[in-house]
Protein backbone atom coordinates (compact mmCIF):
# COMPACT_ATOMS: atom_id res chain seq x y z
CA MET A 1 0.00 0.00 0.00
CA THR A 2 1.07 3.60 -0.60
CA ASP A 3 1.82 5.72 2.40
CA PRO A 4 -0.69 8.63 2.35
CA THR A 5 1.92 10.93 3.88
CA ASP A 6 4.49 10.22 1.09
CA ASP A 7 4.47 13.14 -1.35
CA THR A 8 6.89 11.47 -3.76
CA ASP A 9 5.54 11.05 -7.25
CA PRO A 10 6.13 7.44 -8.47
CA THR A 11 6.82 8.76 -11.94
CA THR A 12 9.46 11.11 -10.61
CA ALA A 13 11.09 8.33 -8.59
CA THR A 14 11.28 6.13 -11.62
CA ASP A 15 12.87 8.85 -13.71
CA SER A 16 15.35 9.57 -10.93
CA SER A 17 16.51 5.95 -10.73
CA ALA A 18 16.88 5.78 -14.45
CA THR A 19 18.94 8.93 -14.40
CA THR A 20 21.11 7.49 -11.64
CA ASP A 21 21.79 4.32 -13.65
CA SER A 22 23.00 6.35 -16.60
CA THR A 23 25.31 8.53 -14.56
CA ASP A 24 28.57 8.05 -12.75
CA GLY A 25 26.94 8.35 -9.31
CA SER A 26 29.58 10.73 -8.00
CA ASP A 27 29.14 13.96 -9.90
CA GLY A 28 25.91 13.16 -11.71
CA GLN A 29 27.60 13.22 -15.17
CA PRO A 30 26.99 10.47 -17.79
CA ARG A 31 29.63 7.71 -17.73
CA ASP A 32 32.25 8.03 -20.42
CA PRO A 33 33.76 4.74 -21.69
CA THR A 34 37.17 6.46 -21.51
CA LEU A 35 38.89 8.35 -18.75
CA ARG A 36 40.72 11.58 -19.43
CA ARG A 37 44.31 11.93 -18.25
CA PRO A 38 45.77 15.25 -17.11
CA ASP A 39 47.93 15.41 -20.27
CA GLY A 40 44.89 15.12 -22.49
CA GLY A 41 45.25 11.44 -23.33
CA THR A 42 42.67 8.77 -22.73
CA VAL A 43 42.74 5.59 -20.66
CA LEU A 44 40.48 2.82 -21.89
CA GLU A 45 38.35 1.19 -19.23
CA ASP A 46 37.42 -2.27 -20.44
CA ASP A 47 39.46 -4.90 -22.32
CA ARG A 48 37.25 -4.98 -25.38
CA ASP A 49 37.81 -1.32 -26.13
CA ALA A 50 41.56 -1.82 -25.44
CA ASP A 51 41.76 -4.70 -27.94
CA LEU A 52 40.12 -2.54 -30.57
CA ASP A 53 42.62 0.25 -30.02
CA ARG A 54 45.79 -1.95 -30.16
CA GLY A 55 47.92 -2.30 -33.22
CA PRO A 56 48.90 -5.68 -34.71
CA LEU A 57 52.20 -5.85 -32.83
CA GLN A 58 50.70 -4.82 -29.49
CA GLN A 59 47.87 -7.32 -29.97
CA TRP A 60 50.37 -10.10 -30.74
CA VAL A 61 52.39 -9.29 -27.62
CA ALA A 62 49.25 -9.30 -25.48
CA ASP A 63 48.15 -12.65 -26.89
CA SER A 64 51.63 -14.07 -26.31
CA ILE A 65 51.55 -13.05 -22.67
CA SER A 66 48.09 -14.49 -22.10
CA HIS A 67 48.77 -17.68 -24.11
CA PRO A 68 52.52 -18.50 -23.83
CA GLU A 69 52.02 -22.04 -25.13
CA ARG A 70 51.34 -20.58 -28.57
CA VAL A 71 54.69 -18.80 -28.49
CA TYR A 72 56.49 -22.00 -27.49
CA ARG A 73 54.81 -23.91 -30.28
CA ALA A 74 55.69 -21.23 -32.83
CA MET A 75 59.32 -21.17 -31.64
CA PHE A 76 59.49 -24.95 -31.98
CA TYR A 77 58.21 -24.83 -35.56
CA VAL A 78 60.62 -22.05 -36.48
CA ALA A 79 63.59 -23.94 -34.99
CA ALA A 80 62.52 -27.18 -36.70
CA ILE A 81 62.18 -25.50 -40.10
CA PHE A 82 65.53 -23.75 -39.65
CA PHE A 83 67.18 -27.08 -38.74
CA LEU A 84 65.64 -28.85 -41.73
CA VAL A 85 66.69 -26.14 -44.16
CA THR A 86 70.24 -25.60 -42.90
CA THR A 87 71.18 -29.15 -41.87
CA LEU A 88 69.14 -31.79 -43.62
CA PHE A 89 68.61 -30.07 -46.97
CA PRO A 90 72.33 -30.20 -47.91
CA PHE A 91 72.27 -33.97 -47.37
CA TYR A 92 69.11 -34.20 -49.47
CA TRP A 93 70.81 -32.22 -52.22
CA LEU A 94 73.88 -34.48 -52.05
CA LEU A 95 71.59 -37.48 -52.46
CA MET A 96 69.92 -35.90 -55.50
CA VAL A 97 73.31 -35.19 -57.08
CA ALA A 98 74.58 -38.70 -56.30
CA LEU A 99 71.56 -40.37 -57.91
CA THR A 100 71.72 -38.24 -61.06
CA PRO A 101 73.77 -39.77 -63.90
CA GLU A 102 76.87 -37.91 -65.01
CA GLY A 103 76.13 -35.34 -67.72
CA GLN A 104 72.59 -34.57 -66.52
CA LEU A 105 73.39 -32.59 -63.38
CA GLN A 106 72.44 -29.24 -64.88
CA ASP A 107 68.71 -30.13 -64.95
CA ILE A 108 68.30 -30.94 -61.22
CA VAL A 109 65.59 -29.01 -59.38
CA PHE A 110 64.37 -30.91 -56.32
CA THR A 111 64.35 -34.41 -57.79
CA PRO A 112 67.17 -36.33 -59.47
CA ASN A 113 67.35 -36.13 -63.26
CA GLY A 114 67.38 -39.88 -63.74
CA PHE A 115 68.22 -42.65 -61.32
CA ASN A 116 71.73 -44.05 -60.90
CA PRO A 117 72.19 -45.82 -57.53
CA GLY A 118 75.27 -47.51 -58.94
CA ALA A 119 77.26 -44.37 -58.06
CA PHE A 120 77.55 -45.65 -54.49
CA VAL A 121 79.37 -48.71 -55.84
CA GLU A 122 81.34 -46.84 -58.46
CA VAL A 123 83.03 -44.69 -55.82
CA PHE A 124 85.02 -47.74 -54.72
CA GLU A 125 85.88 -48.75 -58.30
CA VAL A 126 87.30 -45.44 -59.52
CA ILE A 127 89.60 -45.01 -56.49
CA PRO A 128 90.18 -47.11 -53.33
CA PHE A 129 87.84 -44.92 -51.32
CA HIS A 130 87.51 -47.54 -48.58
CA ILE A 131 91.21 -47.07 -47.78
CA TYR A 132 90.69 -43.33 -47.33
CA MET A 133 87.79 -44.05 -44.96
CA PHE A 134 89.92 -46.54 -43.04
CA ASN A 135 92.74 -43.99 -42.72
CA SER A 136 90.42 -41.35 -41.31
CA PHE A 137 88.84 -43.83 -38.91
CA VAL A 138 92.21 -45.03 -37.58
CA ILE A 139 93.59 -41.49 -37.20
CA ALA A 140 90.44 -40.29 -35.45
CA LEU A 141 90.36 -43.32 -33.15
CA ALA A 142 94.05 -42.99 -32.23
CA SER A 143 93.70 -39.26 -31.59
CA THR A 144 90.64 -39.85 -29.42
CA ILE A 145 92.45 -42.44 -27.30
CA VAL A 146 95.45 -40.15 -26.81
CA VAL A 147 93.22 -37.21 -25.93
CA LEU A 148 91.11 -39.17 -23.44
CA VAL A 149 94.11 -40.68 -21.65
CA ILE A 150 96.06 -37.42 -21.26
CA ALA A 151 92.93 -35.31 -20.65
CA SER A 152 91.80 -37.74 -17.93
CA LEU A 153 95.08 -37.34 -16.08
CA ALA A 154 95.03 -33.55 -16.50
CA GLY A 155 91.34 -33.35 -15.59
CA TYR A 156 91.97 -35.35 -12.43
CA ALA A 157 94.80 -33.02 -11.44
CA PHE A 158 92.85 -29.83 -12.15
CA GLY A 159 89.55 -31.08 -10.74
CA ARG A 160 90.54 -33.02 -7.62
CA LEU A 161 93.96 -31.87 -6.49
CA GLU A 162 95.07 -28.66 -4.82
CA PHE A 163 98.44 -27.33 -5.97
CA PRO A 164 99.96 -23.87 -6.44
CA GLY A 165 99.19 -22.24 -9.76
CA ARG A 166 96.30 -24.52 -10.64
CA THR A 167 93.99 -21.74 -11.85
CA PRO A 168 96.61 -19.86 -13.94
CA LEU A 169 97.72 -23.13 -15.50
CA MET A 170 94.15 -24.00 -16.40
CA LEU A 171 93.68 -20.59 -17.95
CA LEU A 172 96.88 -21.06 -19.92
CA VAL A 173 95.57 -24.34 -21.33
CA LEU A 174 92.35 -22.64 -22.41
CA VAL A 175 94.19 -19.67 -23.91
CA ILE A 176 96.36 -21.97 -26.02
CA SER A 177 93.20 -23.54 -27.44
CA PHE A 178 92.17 -20.14 -28.81
CA PHE A 179 95.12 -19.97 -31.19
CA PRO A 180 94.26 -20.89 -34.79
CA PRO A 181 95.70 -24.24 -35.95
CA ALA A 182 97.46 -22.52 -38.85
CA ALA A 183 99.75 -20.78 -36.36
CA PHE A 184 101.37 -24.13 -35.50
CA PHE A 185 101.73 -25.47 -39.00
CA ILE A 186 105.10 -23.98 -40.04
CA PRO A 187 107.13 -25.26 -37.04
CA LEU A 188 105.33 -28.62 -37.09
CA ASN A 189 105.85 -29.03 -40.83
CA ASP A 190 109.53 -28.23 -40.43
CA LEU A 191 109.81 -30.73 -37.58
CA PHE A 192 107.97 -33.54 -39.34
CA ASN A 193 110.05 -33.09 -42.51
CA THR A 194 113.35 -33.29 -40.62
CA SER A 195 115.16 -36.60 -40.92
CA PHE A 196 115.99 -38.34 -37.63
CA ALA A 197 118.36 -41.30 -37.59
CA PHE A 198 116.40 -43.25 -34.97
CA LEU A 199 113.27 -43.07 -37.17
CA ARG A 200 114.83 -44.56 -40.28
CA PRO A 201 114.17 -48.18 -39.29
CA ILE A 202 110.50 -47.27 -38.86
CA THR A 203 109.71 -44.71 -41.57
CA GLY A 204 112.47 -45.38 -44.09
CA ASP A 205 113.53 -41.79 -44.74
CA GLY A 206 113.60 -40.83 -41.07
CA THR A 207 110.81 -38.23 -41.33
CA LEU A 208 107.26 -38.29 -39.98
CA TYR A 209 105.76 -36.88 -43.18
CA ASN A 210 103.17 -39.26 -44.72
CA THR A 211 102.81 -41.14 -41.44
CA PRO A 212 99.90 -41.24 -39.01
CA PHE A 213 102.11 -39.64 -36.34
CA ALA A 214 102.19 -36.43 -38.38
CA LEU A 215 98.40 -36.28 -38.05
CA VAL A 216 97.70 -37.79 -34.63
CA THR A 217 100.22 -35.60 -32.80
CA PRO A 218 99.02 -32.11 -33.86
CA LEU A 219 95.33 -33.05 -33.94
CA SER A 220 95.51 -34.50 -30.44
CA ALA A 221 97.15 -31.32 -29.17
CA ILE A 222 94.58 -29.10 -30.87
CA PHE A 223 91.55 -30.83 -29.36
CA MET A 224 93.15 -31.61 -26.00
CA PRO A 225 92.11 -28.37 -24.17
CA LEU A 226 88.39 -28.91 -24.81
CA ALA A 227 88.57 -32.45 -23.45
CA ILE A 228 90.52 -31.27 -20.39
CA PHE A 229 87.91 -28.64 -19.65
CA ILE A 230 85.01 -31.11 -19.99
CA LEU A 231 86.64 -33.81 -17.87
CA THR A 232 87.79 -31.34 -15.20
CA THR A 233 84.18 -30.26 -14.73
CA PHE A 234 82.97 -33.83 -14.35
CA TYR A 235 85.79 -35.12 -12.15
CA SER A 236 85.41 -32.23 -9.71
CA GLN A 237 81.76 -33.21 -9.08
CA ILE A 238 82.56 -36.73 -7.82
CA PRO A 239 82.23 -36.91 -4.02
CA ASP A 240 85.55 -37.25 -2.21
CA GLY A 241 84.18 -40.07 -0.07
CA LEU A 242 84.02 -42.46 -3.03
CA GLU A 243 87.66 -41.93 -3.88
CA ASP A 244 88.66 -42.11 -0.22
CA ALA A 245 86.88 -45.46 0.11
CA ALA A 246 88.84 -46.79 -2.87
CA ARG A 247 92.08 -45.47 -1.37
CA VAL A 248 91.31 -47.21 1.92
CA GLU A 249 90.93 -50.49 0.03
CA GLY A 250 94.54 -50.13 -1.11
CA THR A 251 94.21 -48.67 -4.60
CA THR A 252 96.45 -45.87 -5.84
CA ARG A 253 95.34 -42.53 -7.20
CA LEU A 254 95.56 -43.87 -10.75
CA GLY A 255 93.59 -46.91 -9.71
CA ALA A 256 90.92 -44.72 -8.18
CA LEU A 257 90.85 -42.63 -11.35
CA PHE A 258 90.31 -45.54 -13.73
CA ARG A 259 88.16 -47.66 -11.40
CA VAL A 260 85.98 -45.05 -9.72
CA ILE A 261 86.25 -41.56 -11.19
CA ILE A 262 86.09 -42.40 -14.92
CA PRO A 263 83.20 -44.92 -14.64
CA LEU A 264 81.16 -42.40 -12.63
CA SER A 265 81.96 -39.71 -15.21
CA ALA A 266 80.97 -41.82 -18.21
CA PRO A 267 78.74 -39.10 -19.80
CA GLY A 268 81.60 -36.59 -19.72
CA VAL A 269 84.13 -39.08 -21.07
CA ALA A 270 81.74 -40.09 -23.85
CA THR A 271 81.08 -36.46 -24.74
CA ALA A 272 84.77 -35.57 -24.92
CA GLY A 273 85.54 -38.71 -26.91
CA VAL A 274 82.75 -38.29 -29.46
CA LEU A 275 83.45 -34.59 -30.00
CA THR A 276 87.16 -35.32 -30.50
CA PHE A 277 86.48 -38.21 -32.88
CA ILE A 278 84.10 -36.17 -35.04
CA ALA A 279 86.44 -33.17 -35.17
CA VAL A 280 89.49 -35.26 -36.14
CA TYR A 281 87.51 -37.36 -38.62
CA ASN A 282 86.38 -34.21 -40.45
CA GLU A 283 89.69 -32.31 -40.16
CA PHE A 284 91.23 -31.24 -43.44
CA PHE A 285 93.92 -28.58 -42.90
CA PHE A 286 96.66 -30.69 -41.28
CA SER A 287 95.54 -33.82 -43.12
CA PHE A 288 95.97 -32.12 -46.48
CA LEU A 289 99.38 -30.62 -45.68
CA MET A 290 100.99 -33.52 -43.81
CA THR A 291 100.37 -36.14 -46.52
CA ASP A 292 100.74 -36.29 -50.29
CA GLY A 293 97.14 -37.38 -50.82
CA GLN A 294 97.86 -41.04 -51.59
CA PRO A 295 95.82 -43.68 -49.77
CA GLU A 296 98.86 -45.78 -48.92
CA ASN A 297 100.37 -42.74 -47.15
CA TRP A 298 97.51 -42.31 -44.68
CA ALA A 299 95.66 -39.63 -46.63
CA PRO A 300 92.26 -39.01 -44.99
CA ILE A 301 88.75 -39.18 -46.39
CA LEU A 302 88.66 -35.60 -47.68
CA ASP A 303 91.63 -36.33 -49.92
CA GLY A 304 89.64 -39.24 -51.27
CA ILE A 305 86.65 -37.03 -52.06
CA LEU A 306 88.89 -34.55 -53.87
CA ALA A 307 90.43 -37.40 -55.87
CA TYR A 308 87.31 -37.50 -58.07
CA GLN A 309 88.31 -34.09 -59.38
CA GLY A 310 90.61 -34.54 -62.38
CA GLN A 311 92.36 -32.12 -64.66
CA TYR A 312 89.67 -32.17 -67.34
CA GLN A 313 86.66 -33.65 -65.56
CA VAL A 314 84.97 -33.44 -62.16
CA LEU A 315 82.77 -36.37 -61.17
CA TYR A 316 80.30 -34.45 -59.03
CA ASN A 317 77.91 -37.38 -58.62
CA LEU A 318 80.71 -39.57 -57.25
CA MET A 319 81.91 -36.79 -54.96
CA ALA A 320 78.38 -36.49 -53.57
CA ALA A 321 78.05 -40.25 -53.12
CA ALA A 322 81.44 -40.43 -51.40
CA SER A 323 80.44 -37.58 -49.07
CA ILE A 324 77.31 -39.44 -48.01
CA LEU A 325 79.23 -42.67 -47.44
CA GLY A 326 81.84 -40.81 -45.41
CA VAL A 327 79.23 -39.46 -43.02
CA ILE A 328 77.83 -42.91 -42.18
CA PRO A 329 80.48 -43.91 -39.55
CA VAL A 330 80.05 -40.62 -37.69
CA ALA A 331 76.24 -40.90 -37.85
CA ILE A 332 76.37 -44.42 -36.40
CA LEU A 333 78.67 -43.25 -33.60
CA VAL A 334 76.38 -40.36 -32.70
CA VAL A 335 73.28 -42.58 -32.70
CA ILE A 336 74.97 -45.08 -30.39
CA ALA A 337 76.33 -42.47 -27.97
CA GLN A 338 73.55 -39.86 -28.21
CA GLU A 339 72.21 -40.57 -24.71
CA LYS A 340 75.62 -40.11 -23.13
CA ILE A 341 76.30 -37.01 -25.23
CA VAL A 342 73.05 -35.32 -24.21
CA SER A 343 73.50 -36.13 -20.53
CA GLY A 344 77.12 -34.97 -20.72
CA LEU A 345 76.31 -31.65 -22.36
CA THR A 346 73.45 -30.91 -19.94
CA ALA A 347 75.22 -32.04 -16.77
CA GLY A 348 75.31 -29.28 -14.21
CA ALA A 349 72.36 -27.43 -15.74
CA LEU A 350 70.16 -28.41 -12.78
CA LYS A 351 71.13 -28.12 -9.15
CA GLU A 352 69.54 -30.75 -6.94
């Protein structure tokens, strides 16, 4: 019921409430979807108006912040495409060139102009390419063994022993690794071409030129600092109690190194070994200058690939086929040791 003493007009009350809904409520002015700043600019109130006012770049940044999984997915696709284009496409192109018969290479687009799988057999018939592969494998394996043995001893000394000058000596080893290999070639070439009487029963002319020693020695020295740095990091993380327990059982420091430290640092040893093997297997500078390019004189695989280039003709399809065959041993090694390599490269990234 309506109070007889109430003088308020219902119509007026209704209009008043409607007016109140359409105003700010504080100063009685209609609500503006934007707020004015003292400098004359505007501040948008709700998100929909803000989205309409943003440019393409600002909108993309806002979406990236609100949905980061989209950014991660896009980064993955970009990295995958970049990897495919820069890494796998050259191998695809080598395969196309290898399968194309000689004389039809100028018409290749993205598919071979013909089909000649016999090129992968012909590479061994034109030259003894298998001997070149064997030479590179033996030189890389010997260099890896030398590097791992010496780097293990140096890594144990730097990582687990306290002695004066340890840090400066470690820095000196790393600084030496920064020198370009070409800086050592002239003195080494002069040394390896000098005839020594005690070498004549072994090498015939008394020099180390055209012998595996002329390759293993400098290549081992070049890649030694990296292995020392990797193994020092791993050996220093082994708890002292494990080595002390082995010493209590009567083993020597060398025994503790080869029986305890190295087995527990298997990822680091595998990483240093694989990286050294790949680098020496693919090395060309010293290999080209320390041998005469003949397979019987320990010429490496790259000399074999260049042997398909004659004075009047270049067998590009055989060079491509030989390049693919030469990569197979390294690819097999990486596939076998990939778990150890990944764990070795990521060791120390997480602190538990």
